[in-house]
Amino acid sequence: VNTQLADISYVALWEKCVKAALEQEALF
């Protein structure tokens, strides 16, 4: 949703919780 305003958008996650997000590489 933030891409309505920002050119680049990020999700910041705690390092121990990043693996689950990285497993969704295609979705991101």
mmCIF file of all heavy atoms, coordinates in Angstrom:
data_MODEL
# 
_entry.id   MODEL 
# 
loop_
_atom_site.group_PDB 
_atom_site.id 
_atom_site.type_symbol 
_atom_site.label_atom_id 
_atom_site.label_alt_id 
_atom_site.label_comp_id 
_atom_site.label_asym_id 
_atom_site.label_entity_id 
_atom_site.label_seq_id 
_atom_site.pdbx_PDB_ins_code 
_atom_site.Cartn_x 
_atom_site.Cartn_y 
_atom_site.Cartn_z 
_atom_site.occupancy 
_atom_site.B_iso_or_equiv 
_atom_site.pdbx_formal_charge 
_atom_site.auth_seq_id 
_atom_site.auth_comp_id 
_atom_site.auth_asym_id 
_atom_site.auth_atom_id 
_atom_site.pdbx_PDB_model_num 
ATOM 1   N N   . VAL A 1 1  ? 0.842  -1.200  0.000  1.00 0.00 ? 1  VAL A N   1 
ATOM 2   C CA  . VAL A 1 1  ? 0.000  0.000   0.000  1.00 0.00 ? 1  VAL A CA  1 
ATOM 3   C C   . VAL A 1 1  ? 0.879  1.253   0.000  1.00 0.00 ? 1  VAL A C   1 
ATOM 4   O O   . VAL A 1 1  ? 0.568  2.245   -0.652 1.00 0.00 ? 1  VAL A O   1 
ATOM 5   C CB  . VAL A 1 1  ? -0.968 -0.005  1.207  1.00 0.00 ? 1  VAL A CB  1 
ATOM 6   C CG1 . VAL A 1 1  ? -1.694 1.327   1.335  1.00 0.00 ? 1  VAL A CG1 1 
ATOM 7   C CG2 . VAL A 1 1  ? -1.969 -1.145  1.071  1.00 0.00 ? 1  VAL A CG2 1 
ATOM 8   N N   . ASN A 1 2  ? 2.005  1.196   0.699  1.00 0.00 ? 2  ASN A N   1 
ATOM 9   C CA  . ASN A 1 2  ? 2.904  2.353   0.803  1.00 0.00 ? 2  ASN A CA  1 
ATOM 10  C C   . ASN A 1 2  ? 3.464  2.796   -0.541 1.00 0.00 ? 2  ASN A C   1 
ATOM 11  O O   . ASN A 1 2  ? 3.911  3.930   -0.676 1.00 0.00 ? 2  ASN A O   1 
ATOM 12  C CB  . ASN A 1 2  ? 4.061  2.057   1.749  1.00 0.00 ? 2  ASN A CB  1 
ATOM 13  C CG  . ASN A 1 2  ? 3.607  1.880   3.179  1.00 0.00 ? 2  ASN A CG  1 
ATOM 14  O OD1 . ASN A 1 2  ? 2.458  2.145   3.522  1.00 0.00 ? 2  ASN A OD1 1 
ATOM 15  N ND2 . ASN A 1 2  ? 4.504  1.409   4.020  1.00 0.00 ? 2  ASN A ND2 1 
ATOM 16  N N   . THR A 1 3  ? 3.440  1.917   -1.538 1.00 0.00 ? 3  THR A N   1 
ATOM 17  C CA  . THR A 1 3  ? 3.964  2.295   -2.847 1.00 0.00 ? 3  THR A CA  1 
ATOM 18  C C   . THR A 1 3  ? 3.078  3.338   -3.534 1.00 0.00 ? 3  THR A C   1 
ATOM 19  O O   . THR A 1 3  ? 3.450  3.855   -4.576 1.00 0.00 ? 3  THR A O   1 
ATOM 20  C CB  . THR A 1 3  ? 4.160  1.072   -3.772 1.00 0.00 ? 3  THR A CB  1 
ATOM 21  O OG1 . THR A 1 3  ? 2.897  0.454   -4.013 1.00 0.00 ? 3  THR A OG1 1 
ATOM 22  C CG2 . THR A 1 3  ? 5.139  0.079   -3.172 1.00 0.00 ? 3  THR A CG2 1 
ATOM 23  N N   . GLN A 1 4  ? 1.939  3.668   -2.942 1.00 0.00 ? 4  GLN A N   1 
ATOM 24  C CA  . GLN A 1 4  ? 1.138  4.793   -3.447 1.00 0.00 ? 4  GLN A CA  1 
ATOM 25  C C   . GLN A 1 4  ? 1.882  6.103   -3.209 1.00 0.00 ? 4  GLN A C   1 
ATOM 26  O O   . GLN A 1 4  ? 1.662  7.075   -3.924 1.00 0.00 ? 4  GLN A O   1 
ATOM 27  C CB  . GLN A 1 4  ? -0.211 4.846   -2.750 1.00 0.00 ? 4  GLN A CB  1 
ATOM 28  C CG  . GLN A 1 4  ? -1.112 3.696   -3.058 1.00 0.00 ? 4  GLN A CG  1 
ATOM 29  C CD  . GLN A 1 4  ? -2.385 3.757   -2.232 1.00 0.00 ? 4  GLN A CD  1 
ATOM 30  O OE1 . GLN A 1 4  ? -2.900 4.838   -1.948 1.00 0.00 ? 4  GLN A OE1 1 
ATOM 31  N NE2 . GLN A 1 4  ? -2.895 2.605   -1.853 1.00 0.00 ? 4  GLN A NE2 1 
ATOM 32  N N   . LEU A 1 5  ? 2.776  6.122   -2.214 1.00 0.00 ? 5  LEU A N   1 
ATOM 33  C CA  . LEU A 1 5  ? 3.524  7.326   -1.867 1.00 0.00 ? 5  LEU A CA  1 
ATOM 34  C C   . LEU A 1 5  ? 5.027  7.145   -2.072 1.00 0.00 ? 5  LEU A C   1 
ATOM 35  O O   . LEU A 1 5  ? 5.697  8.031   -2.576 1.00 0.00 ? 5  LEU A O   1 
ATOM 36  C CB  . LEU A 1 5  ? 3.247  7.716   -0.403 1.00 0.00 ? 5  LEU A CB  1 
ATOM 37  C CG  . LEU A 1 5  ? 3.985  8.924   0.140  1.00 0.00 ? 5  LEU A CG  1 
ATOM 38  C CD1 . LEU A 1 5  ? 3.639  10.184  -0.661 1.00 0.00 ? 5  LEU A CD1 1 
ATOM 39  C CD2 . LEU A 1 5  ? 3.631  9.130   1.605  1.00 0.00 ? 5  LEU A CD2 1 
ATOM 40  N N   . ALA A 1 6  ? 5.555  6.012   -1.675 1.00 0.00 ? 6  ALA A N   1 
ATOM 41  C CA  . ALA A 1 6  ? 6.999  5.771   -1.741 1.00 0.00 ? 6  ALA A CA  1 
ATOM 42  C C   . ALA A 1 6  ? 7.387  5.091   -3.051 1.00 0.00 ? 6  ALA A C   1 
ATOM 43  O O   . ALA A 1 6  ? 6.665  4.235   -3.554 1.00 0.00 ? 6  ALA A O   1 
ATOM 44  C CB  . ALA A 1 6  ? 7.438  4.905   -0.564 1.00 0.00 ? 6  ALA A CB  1 
ATOM 45  N N   . ASP A 1 7  ? 8.553  5.493   -3.565 1.00 0.00 ? 7  ASP A N   1 
ATOM 46  C CA  . ASP A 1 7  ? 9.067  4.851   -4.780 1.00 0.00 ? 7  ASP A CA  1 
ATOM 47  C C   . ASP A 1 7  ? 9.551  3.437   -4.474 1.00 0.00 ? 7  ASP A C   1 
ATOM 48  O O   . ASP A 1 7  ? 9.377  2.526   -5.281 1.00 0.00 ? 7  ASP A O   1 
ATOM 49  C CB  . ASP A 1 7  ? 10.223 5.675   -5.351 1.00 0.00 ? 7  ASP A CB  1 
ATOM 50  C CG  . ASP A 1 7  ? 9.781  7.067   -5.737 1.00 0.00 ? 7  ASP A CG  1 
ATOM 51  O OD1 . ASP A 1 7  ? 8.865  7.188   -6.566 1.00 0.00 ? 7  ASP A OD1 1 
ATOM 52  O OD2 . ASP A 1 7  ? 10.344 8.039   -5.200 1.00 0.00 ? 7  ASP A OD2 1 
ATOM 53  N N   . ILE A 1 8  ? 10.179 3.274   -3.320 1.00 0.00 ? 8  ILE A N   1 
ATOM 54  C CA  . ILE A 1 8  ? 10.705 1.978   -2.884 1.00 0.00 ? 8  ILE A CA  1 
ATOM 55  C C   . ILE A 1 8  ? 10.114 1.683   -1.514 1.00 0.00 ? 8  ILE A C   1 
ATOM 56  O O   . ILE A 1 8  ? 10.074 2.560   -0.649 1.00 0.00 ? 8  ILE A O   1 
ATOM 57  C CB  . ILE A 1 8  ? 12.249 1.999   -2.749 1.00 0.00 ? 8  ILE A CB  1 
ATOM 58  C CG1 . ILE A 1 8  ? 12.914 2.504   -4.023 1.00 0.00 ? 8  ILE A CG1 1 
ATOM 59  C CG2 . ILE A 1 8  ? 12.785 0.644   -2.322 1.00 0.00 ? 8  ILE A CG2 1 
ATOM 60  C CD1 . ILE A 1 8  ? 13.028 1.499   -5.119 1.00 0.00 ? 8  ILE A CD1 1 
ATOM 61  N N   . SER A 1 9  ? 9.671  0.459   -1.309 1.00 0.00 ? 9  SER A N   1 
ATOM 62  C CA  . SER A 1 9  ? 9.061  0.097   -0.036 1.00 0.00 ? 9  SER A CA  1 
ATOM 63  C C   . SER A 1 9  ? 9.746  -1.147  0.537  1.00 0.00 ? 9  SER A C   1 
ATOM 64  O O   . SER A 1 9  ? 10.057 -2.085  -0.202 1.00 0.00 ? 9  SER A O   1 
ATOM 65  C CB  . SER A 1 9  ? 7.565  -0.162  -0.239 1.00 0.00 ? 9  SER A CB  1 
ATOM 66  O OG  . SER A 1 9  ? 6.900  -0.250  0.993  1.00 0.00 ? 9  SER A OG  1 
ATOM 67  N N   . TYR A 1 10 ? 9.968  -1.100  1.853  1.00 0.00 ? 10 TYR A N   1 
ATOM 68  C CA  . TYR A 1 10 ? 10.631 -2.201  2.552  1.00 0.00 ? 10 TYR A CA  1 
ATOM 69  C C   . TYR A 1 10 ? 9.808  -2.662  3.739  1.00 0.00 ? 10 TYR A C   1 
ATOM 70  O O   . TYR A 1 10 ? 9.037  -1.901  4.322  1.00 0.00 ? 10 TYR A O   1 
ATOM 71  C CB  . TYR A 1 10 ? 12.003 -1.761  3.095  1.00 0.00 ? 10 TYR A CB  1 
ATOM 72  C CG  . TYR A 1 10 ? 13.054 -1.580  2.040  1.00 0.00 ? 10 TYR A CG  1 
ATOM 73  C CD1 . TYR A 1 10 ? 13.304 -0.330  1.493  1.00 0.00 ? 10 TYR A CD1 1 
ATOM 74  C CD2 . TYR A 1 10 ? 13.809 -2.666  1.592  1.00 0.00 ? 10 TYR A CD2 1 
ATOM 75  C CE1 . TYR A 1 10 ? 14.277 -0.152  0.519  1.00 0.00 ? 10 TYR A CE1 1 
ATOM 76  C CE2 . TYR A 1 10 ? 14.784 -2.497  0.621  1.00 0.00 ? 10 TYR A CE2 1 
ATOM 77  C CZ  . TYR A 1 10 ? 15.005 -1.237  0.091  1.00 0.00 ? 10 TYR A CZ  1 
ATOM 78  O OH  . TYR A 1 10 ? 15.965 -1.076  -0.869 1.00 0.00 ? 10 TYR A OH  1 
ATOM 79  N N   . VAL A 1 11 ? 10.052 -3.915  4.115  1.00 0.00 ? 11 VAL A N   1 
ATOM 80  C CA  . VAL A 1 11 ? 9.574  -4.503  5.353  1.00 0.00 ? 11 VAL A CA  1 
ATOM 81  C C   . VAL A 1 11 ? 10.815 -4.720  6.200  1.00 0.00 ? 11 VAL A C   1 
ATOM 82  O O   . VAL A 1 11 ? 11.787 -5.315  5.730  1.00 0.00 ? 11 VAL A O   1 
ATOM 83  C CB  . VAL A 1 11 ? 8.879  -5.859  5.067  1.00 0.00 ? 11 VAL A CB  1 
ATOM 84  C CG1 . VAL A 1 11 ? 8.680  -6.655  6.329  1.00 0.00 ? 11 VAL A CG1 1 
ATOM 85  C CG2 . VAL A 1 11 ? 7.575  -5.646  4.335  1.00 0.00 ? 11 VAL A CG2 1 
ATOM 86  N N   . ALA A 1 12 ? 10.806 -4.223  7.437  1.00 0.00 ? 12 ALA A N   1 
ATOM 87  C CA  . ALA A 1 12 ? 11.926 -4.448  8.356  1.00 0.00 ? 12 ALA A CA  1 
ATOM 88  C C   . ALA A 1 12 ? 11.479 -5.448  9.414  1.00 0.00 ? 12 ALA A C   1 
ATOM 89  O O   . ALA A 1 12 ? 10.495 -5.225  10.115 1.00 0.00 ? 12 ALA A O   1 
ATOM 90  C CB  . ALA A 1 12 ? 12.364 -3.140  9.014  1.00 0.00 ? 12 ALA A CB  1 
ATOM 91  N N   . LEU A 1 13 ? 12.198 -6.558  9.490  1.00 0.00 ? 13 LEU A N   1 
ATOM 92  C CA  . LEU A 1 13 ? 11.872 -7.636  10.421 1.00 0.00 ? 13 LEU A CA  1 
ATOM 93  C C   . LEU A 1 13 ? 13.065 -7.942  11.314 1.00 0.00 ? 13 LEU A C   1 
ATOM 94  O O   . LEU A 1 13 ? 14.215 -7.746  10.910 1.00 0.00 ? 13 LEU A O   1 
ATOM 95  C CB  . LEU A 1 13 ? 11.505 -8.909  9.648  1.00 0.00 ? 13 LEU A CB  1 
ATOM 96  C CG  . LEU A 1 13 ? 10.308 -8.821  8.701  1.00 0.00 ? 13 LEU A CG  1 
ATOM 97  C CD1 . LEU A 1 13 ? 10.296 -10.003 7.753  1.00 0.00 ? 13 LEU A CD1 1 
ATOM 98  C CD2 . LEU A 1 13 ? 9.021  -8.764  9.505  1.00 0.00 ? 13 LEU A CD2 1 
ATOM 99  N N   . TRP A 1 14 ? 12.772 -8.459  12.496 1.00 0.00 ? 14 TRP A N   1 
ATOM 100 C CA  . TRP A 1 14 ? 13.835 -8.886  13.386 1.00 0.00 ? 14 TRP A CA  1 
ATOM 101 C C   . TRP A 1 14 ? 14.603 -10.017 12.715 1.00 0.00 ? 14 TRP A C   1 
ATOM 102 O O   . TRP A 1 14 ? 14.011 -10.889 12.067 1.00 0.00 ? 14 TRP A O   1 
ATOM 103 C CB  . TRP A 1 14 ? 13.253 -9.329  14.726 1.00 0.00 ? 14 TRP A CB  1 
ATOM 104 C CG  . TRP A 1 14 ? 14.279 -9.630  15.751 1.00 0.00 ? 14 TRP A CG  1 
ATOM 105 C CD1 . TRP A 1 14 ? 14.500 -10.844 16.339 1.00 0.00 ? 14 TRP A CD1 1 
ATOM 106 C CD2 . TRP A 1 14 ? 15.241 -8.740  16.318 1.00 0.00 ? 14 TRP A CD2 1 
ATOM 107 N NE1 . TRP A 1 14 ? 15.541 -10.753 17.234 1.00 0.00 ? 14 TRP A NE1 1 
ATOM 108 C CE2 . TRP A 1 14 ? 16.011 -9.469  17.245 1.00 0.00 ? 14 TRP A CE2 1 
ATOM 109 C CE3 . TRP A 1 14 ? 15.528 -7.399  16.121 1.00 0.00 ? 14 TRP A CE3 1 
ATOM 110 C CZ2 . TRP A 1 14 ? 17.047 -8.898  17.970 1.00 0.00 ? 14 TRP A CZ2 1 
ATOM 111 C CZ3 . TRP A 1 14 ? 16.560 -6.827  16.853 1.00 0.00 ? 14 TRP A CZ3 1 
ATOM 112 C CH2 . TRP A 1 14 ? 17.304 -7.578  17.762 1.00 0.00 ? 14 TRP A CH2 1 
ATOM 113 N N   . GLU A 1 15 ? 15.911 -10.008 12.835 1.00 0.00 ? 15 GLU A N   1 
ATOM 114 C CA  . GLU A 1 15 ? 16.795 -10.935 12.110 1.00 0.00 ? 15 GLU A CA  1 
ATOM 115 C C   . GLU A 1 15 ? 16.391 -12.399 12.237 1.00 0.00 ? 15 GLU A C   1 
ATOM 116 O O   . GLU A 1 15 ? 16.500 -13.158 11.282 1.00 0.00 ? 15 GLU A O   1 
ATOM 117 C CB  . GLU A 1 15 ? 18.238 -10.746 12.568 1.00 0.00 ? 15 GLU A CB  1 
ATOM 118 C CG  . GLU A 1 15 ? 18.468 -11.120 14.020 1.00 0.00 ? 15 GLU A CG  1 
ATOM 119 C CD  . GLU A 1 15 ? 19.902 -10.926 14.468 1.00 0.00 ? 15 GLU A CD  1 
ATOM 120 O OE1 . GLU A 1 15 ? 20.794 -10.772 13.623 1.00 0.00 ? 15 GLU A OE1 1 
ATOM 121 O OE2 . GLU A 1 15 ? 20.119 -10.933 15.683 1.00 0.00 ? 15 GLU A OE2 1 
ATOM 122 N N   . LYS A 1 16 ? 15.912 -12.807 13.390 1.00 0.00 ? 16 LYS A N   1 
ATOM 123 C CA  . LYS A 1 16 ? 15.538 -14.216 13.597 1.00 0.00 ? 16 LYS A CA  1 
ATOM 124 C C   . LYS A 1 16 ? 14.223 -14.577 12.928 1.00 0.00 ? 16 LYS A C   1 
ATOM 125 O O   . LYS A 1 16 ? 13.877 -15.742 12.841 1.00 0.00 ? 16 LYS A O   1 
ATOM 126 C CB  . LYS A 1 16 ? 15.480 -14.528 15.093 1.00 0.00 ? 16 LYS A CB  1 
ATOM 127 C CG  . LYS A 1 16 ? 16.843 -14.455 15.736 1.00 0.00 ? 16 LYS A CG  1 
ATOM 128 C CD  . LYS A 1 16 ? 16.791 -14.719 17.207 1.00 0.00 ? 16 LYS A CD  1 
ATOM 129 C CE  . LYS A 1 16 ? 18.222 -14.615 17.737 1.00 0.00 ? 16 LYS A CE  1 
ATOM 130 N NZ  . LYS A 1 16 ? 18.305 -14.431 19.150 1.00 0.00 ? 16 LYS A NZ  1 
ATOM 131 N N   . CYS A 1 17 ? 13.506 -13.564 12.439 1.00 0.00 ? 17 CYS A N   1 
ATOM 132 C CA  . CYS A 1 17 ? 12.204 -13.790 11.811 1.00 0.00 ? 17 CYS A CA  1 
ATOM 133 C C   . CYS A 1 17 ? 12.227 -13.544 10.301 1.00 0.00 ? 17 CYS A C   1 
ATOM 134 O O   . CYS A 1 17 ? 11.203 -13.691 9.637  1.00 0.00 ? 17 CYS A O   1 
ATOM 135 C CB  . CYS A 1 17 ? 11.161 -12.890 12.465 1.00 0.00 ? 17 CYS A CB  1 
ATOM 136 S SG  . CYS A 1 17 ? 11.036 -13.119 14.247 1.00 0.00 ? 17 CYS A SG  1 
ATOM 137 N N   . VAL A 1 18 ? 13.379 -13.203 9.769  1.00 0.00 ? 18 VAL A N   1 
ATOM 138 C CA  . VAL A 1 18 ? 13.502 -12.862 8.347  1.00 0.00 ? 18 VAL A CA  1 
ATOM 139 C C   . VAL A 1 18 ? 13.382 -14.093 7.449  1.00 0.00 ? 18 VAL A C   1 
ATOM 140 O O   . VAL A 1 18 ? 12.860 -14.011 6.340  1.00 0.00 ? 18 VAL A O   1 
ATOM 141 C CB  . VAL A 1 18 ? 14.835 -12.115 8.087  1.00 0.00 ? 18 VAL A CB  1 
ATOM 142 C CG1 . VAL A 1 18 ? 15.144 -12.017 6.615  1.00 0.00 ? 18 VAL A CG1 1 
ATOM 143 C CG2 . VAL A 1 18 ? 14.787 -10.739 8.710  1.00 0.00 ? 18 VAL A CG2 1 
ATOM 144 N N   . LYS A 1 19 ? 13.822 -15.248 7.924  1.00 0.00 ? 19 LYS A N   1 
ATOM 145 C CA  . LYS A 1 19 ? 13.846 -16.450 7.087  1.00 0.00 ? 19 LYS A CA  1 
ATOM 146 C C   . LYS A 1 19 ? 12.471 -16.765 6.491  1.00 0.00 ? 19 LYS A C   1 
ATOM 147 O O   . LYS A 1 19 ? 12.359 -17.088 5.311  1.00 0.00 ? 19 LYS A O   1 
ATOM 148 C CB  . LYS A 1 19 ? 14.354 -17.643 7.900  1.00 0.00 ? 19 LYS A CB  1 
ATOM 149 C CG  . LYS A 1 19 ? 14.507 -18.889 7.078  1.00 0.00 ? 19 LYS A CG  1 
ATOM 150 C CD  . LYS A 1 19 ? 15.069 -20.048 7.892  1.00 0.00 ? 19 LYS A CD  1 
ATOM 151 C CE  . LYS A 1 19 ? 15.234 -21.237 6.992  1.00 0.00 ? 19 LYS A CE  1 
ATOM 152 N NZ  . LYS A 1 19 ? 14.700 -22.452 7.545  1.00 0.00 ? 19 LYS A NZ  1 
ATOM 153 N N   . ALA A 1 20 ? 11.422 -16.635 7.294  1.00 0.00 ? 20 ALA A N   1 
ATOM 154 C CA  . ALA A 1 20 ? 10.072 -16.931 6.794  1.00 0.00 ? 20 ALA A CA  1 
ATOM 155 C C   . ALA A 1 20 ? 9.694  -16.008 5.637  1.00 0.00 ? 20 ALA A C   1 
ATOM 156 O O   . ALA A 1 20 ? 9.071  -16.442 4.672  1.00 0.00 ? 20 ALA A O   1 
ATOM 157 C CB  . ALA A 1 20 ? 9.059  -16.805 7.930  1.00 0.00 ? 20 ALA A CB  1 
ATOM 158 N N   . ALA A 1 21 ? 10.088 -14.737 5.726  1.00 0.00 ? 21 ALA A N   1 
ATOM 159 C CA  . ALA A 1 21 ? 9.796  -13.796 4.644  1.00 0.00 ? 21 ALA A CA  1 
ATOM 160 C C   . ALA A 1 21 ? 10.621 -14.125 3.408  1.00 0.00 ? 21 ALA A C   1 
ATOM 161 O O   . ALA A 1 21 ? 10.119 -14.066 2.281  1.00 0.00 ? 21 ALA A O   1 
ATOM 162 C CB  . ALA A 1 21 ? 10.057 -12.369 5.107  1.00 0.00 ? 21 ALA A CB  1 
ATOM 163 N N   . LEU A 1 22 ? 11.893 -14.469 3.603  1.00 0.00 ? 22 LEU A N   1 
ATOM 164 C CA  . LEU A 1 22 ? 12.752 -14.787 2.460  1.00 0.00 ? 22 LEU A CA  1 
ATOM 165 C C   . LEU A 1 22 ? 12.285 -16.042 1.721  1.00 0.00 ? 22 LEU A C   1 
ATOM 166 O O   . LEU A 1 22 ? 12.556 -16.195 0.536  1.00 0.00 ? 22 LEU A O   1 
ATOM 167 C CB  . LEU A 1 22 ? 14.200 -14.944 2.915  1.00 0.00 ? 22 LEU A CB  1 
ATOM 168 C CG  . LEU A 1 22 ? 14.901 -13.636 3.278  1.00 0.00 ? 22 LEU A CG  1 
ATOM 169 C CD1 . LEU A 1 22 ? 16.285 -13.911 3.866  1.00 0.00 ? 22 LEU A CD1 1 
ATOM 170 C CD2 . LEU A 1 22 ? 14.993 -12.710 2.082  1.00 0.00 ? 22 LEU A CD2 1 
ATOM 171 N N   . GLU A 1 23 ? 11.570 -16.913 2.411  1.00 0.00 ? 23 GLU A N   1 
ATOM 172 C CA  . GLU A 1 23 ? 11.006 -18.097 1.753  1.00 0.00 ? 23 GLU A CA  1 
ATOM 173 C C   . GLU A 1 23 ? 9.886  -17.711 0.787  1.00 0.00 ? 23 GLU A C   1 
ATOM 174 O O   . GLU A 1 23 ? 9.464  -18.518 -0.040 1.00 0.00 ? 23 GLU A O   1 
ATOM 175 C CB  . GLU A 1 23 ? 10.499 -19.091 2.797  1.00 0.00 ? 23 GLU A CB  1 
ATOM 176 C CG  . GLU A 1 23 ? 11.628 -19.760 3.566  1.00 0.00 ? 23 GLU A CG  1 
ATOM 177 C CD  . GLU A 1 23 ? 11.159 -20.609 4.729  1.00 0.00 ? 23 GLU A CD  1 
ATOM 178 O OE1 . GLU A 1 23 ? 9.941  -20.609 5.045  1.00 0.00 ? 23 GLU A OE1 1 
ATOM 179 O OE2 . GLU A 1 23 ? 12.017 -21.263 5.339  1.00 0.00 ? 23 GLU A OE2 1 
ATOM 180 N N   . GLN A 1 24 ? 9.410  -16.484 0.895  1.00 0.00 ? 24 GLN A N   1 
ATOM 181 C CA  . GLN A 1 24 ? 8.358  -15.968 0.010  1.00 0.00 ? 24 GLN A CA  1 
ATOM 182 C C   . GLN A 1 24 ? 8.933  -14.992 -1.016 1.00 0.00 ? 24 GLN A C   1 
ATOM 183 O O   . GLN A 1 24 ? 8.297  -14.011 -1.384 1.00 0.00 ? 24 GLN A O   1 
ATOM 184 C CB  . GLN A 1 24 ? 7.271  -15.292 0.851  1.00 0.00 ? 24 GLN A CB  1 
ATOM 185 C CG  . GLN A 1 24 ? 6.644  -16.180 1.883  1.00 0.00 ? 24 GLN A CG  1 
ATOM 186 C CD  . GLN A 1 24 ? 5.964  -17.380 1.263  1.00 0.00 ? 24 GLN A CD  1 
ATOM 187 O OE1 . GLN A 1 24 ? 5.323  -17.286 0.220  1.00 0.00 ? 24 GLN A OE1 1 
ATOM 188 N NE2 . GLN A 1 24 ? 6.108  -18.534 1.900  1.00 0.00 ? 24 GLN A NE2 1 
ATOM 189 N N   . GLU A 1 25 ? 10.139 -15.252 -1.470 1.00 0.00 ? 25 GLU A N   1 
ATOM 190 C CA  . GLU A 1 25 ? 10.865 -14.378 -2.398 1.00 0.00 ? 25 GLU A CA  1 
ATOM 191 C C   . GLU A 1 25 ? 10.018 -13.985 -3.607 1.00 0.00 ? 25 GLU A C   1 
ATOM 192 O O   . GLU A 1 25 ? 9.979  -12.816 -3.994 1.00 0.00 ? 25 GLU A O   1 
ATOM 193 C CB  . GLU A 1 25 ? 12.145 -15.084 -2.861 1.00 0.00 ? 25 GLU A CB  1 
ATOM 194 C CG  . GLU A 1 25 ? 12.963 -14.313 -3.853 1.00 0.00 ? 25 GLU A CG  1 
ATOM 195 C CD  . GLU A 1 25 ? 13.767 -13.191 -3.225 1.00 0.00 ? 25 GLU A CD  1 
ATOM 196 O OE1 . GLU A 1 25 ? 14.047 -13.262 -2.033 1.00 0.00 ? 25 GLU A OE1 1 
ATOM 197 O OE2 . GLU A 1 25 ? 14.086 -12.234 -3.958 1.00 0.00 ? 25 GLU A OE2 1 
ATOM 198 N N   . ALA A 1 26 ? 9.323  -14.921 -4.207 1.00 0.00 ? 26 ALA A N   1 
ATOM 199 C CA  . ALA A 1 26 ? 8.521  -14.633 -5.399 1.00 0.00 ? 26 ALA A CA  1 
ATOM 200 C C   . ALA A 1 26 ? 7.387  -13.662 -5.072 1.00 0.00 ? 26 ALA A C   1 
ATOM 201 O O   . ALA A 1 26 ? 7.086  -12.759 -5.865 1.00 0.00 ? 26 ALA A O   1 
ATOM 202 C CB  . ALA A 1 26 ? 7.963  -15.919 -5.993 1.00 0.00 ? 26 ALA A CB  1 
ATOM 203 N N   . LEU A 1 27 ? 6.779  -13.817 -3.918 1.00 0.00 ? 27 LEU A N   1 
ATOM 204 C CA  . LEU A 1 27 ? 5.687  -12.942 -3.520 1.00 0.00 ? 27 LEU A CA  1 
ATOM 205 C C   . LEU A 1 27 ? 6.192  -11.519 -3.282 1.00 0.00 ? 27 LEU A C   1 
ATOM 206 O O   . LEU A 1 27 ? 5.619  -10.552 -3.805 1.00 0.00 ? 27 LEU A O   1 
ATOM 207 C CB  . LEU A 1 27 ? 5.025  -13.490 -2.248 1.00 0.00 ? 27 LEU A CB  1 
ATOM 208 C CG  . LEU A 1 27 ? 3.760  -12.789 -1.777 1.00 0.00 ? 27 LEU A CG  1 
ATOM 209 C CD1 . LEU A 1 27 ? 2.682  -12.803 -2.861 1.00 0.00 ? 27 LEU A CD1 1 
ATOM 210 C CD2 . LEU A 1 27 ? 3.249  -13.450 -0.510 1.00 0.00 ? 27 LEU A CD2 1 
ATOM 211 N N   . PHE A 1 28 ? 7.281  -11.381 -2.547 1.00 0.00 ? 28 PHE A N   1 
ATOM 212 C CA  . PHE A 1 28 ? 7.864  -10.064 -2.333 1.00 0.00 ? 28 PHE A CA  1 
ATOM 213 C C   . PHE A 1 28 ? 8.298  -9.454  -3.664 1.00 0.00 ? 28 PHE A C   1 
ATOM 214 O O   . PHE A 1 28 ? 8.103  -8.270  -3.910 1.00 0.00 ? 28 PHE A O   1 
ATOM 215 C CB  . PHE A 1 28 ? 9.054  -10.136 -1.361 1.00 0.00 ? 28 PHE A CB  1 
ATOM 216 C CG  . PHE A 1 28 ? 8.640  -10.130 0.086  1.00 0.00 ? 28 PHE A CG  1 
ATOM 217 C CD1 . PHE A 1 28 ? 8.234  -11.289 0.722  1.00 0.00 ? 28 PHE A CD1 1 
ATOM 218 C CD2 . PHE A 1 28 ? 8.662  -8.946  0.815  1.00 0.00 ? 28 PHE A CD2 1 
ATOM 219 C CE1 . PHE A 1 28 ? 7.850  -11.281 2.052  1.00 0.00 ? 28 PHE A CE1 1 
ATOM 220 C CE2 . PHE A 1 28 ? 8.292  -8.921  2.151  1.00 0.00 ? 28 PHE A CE2 1 
ATOM 221 C CZ  . PHE A 1 28 ? 7.870  -10.098 2.768  1.00 0.00 ? 28 PHE A CZ  1 
# 
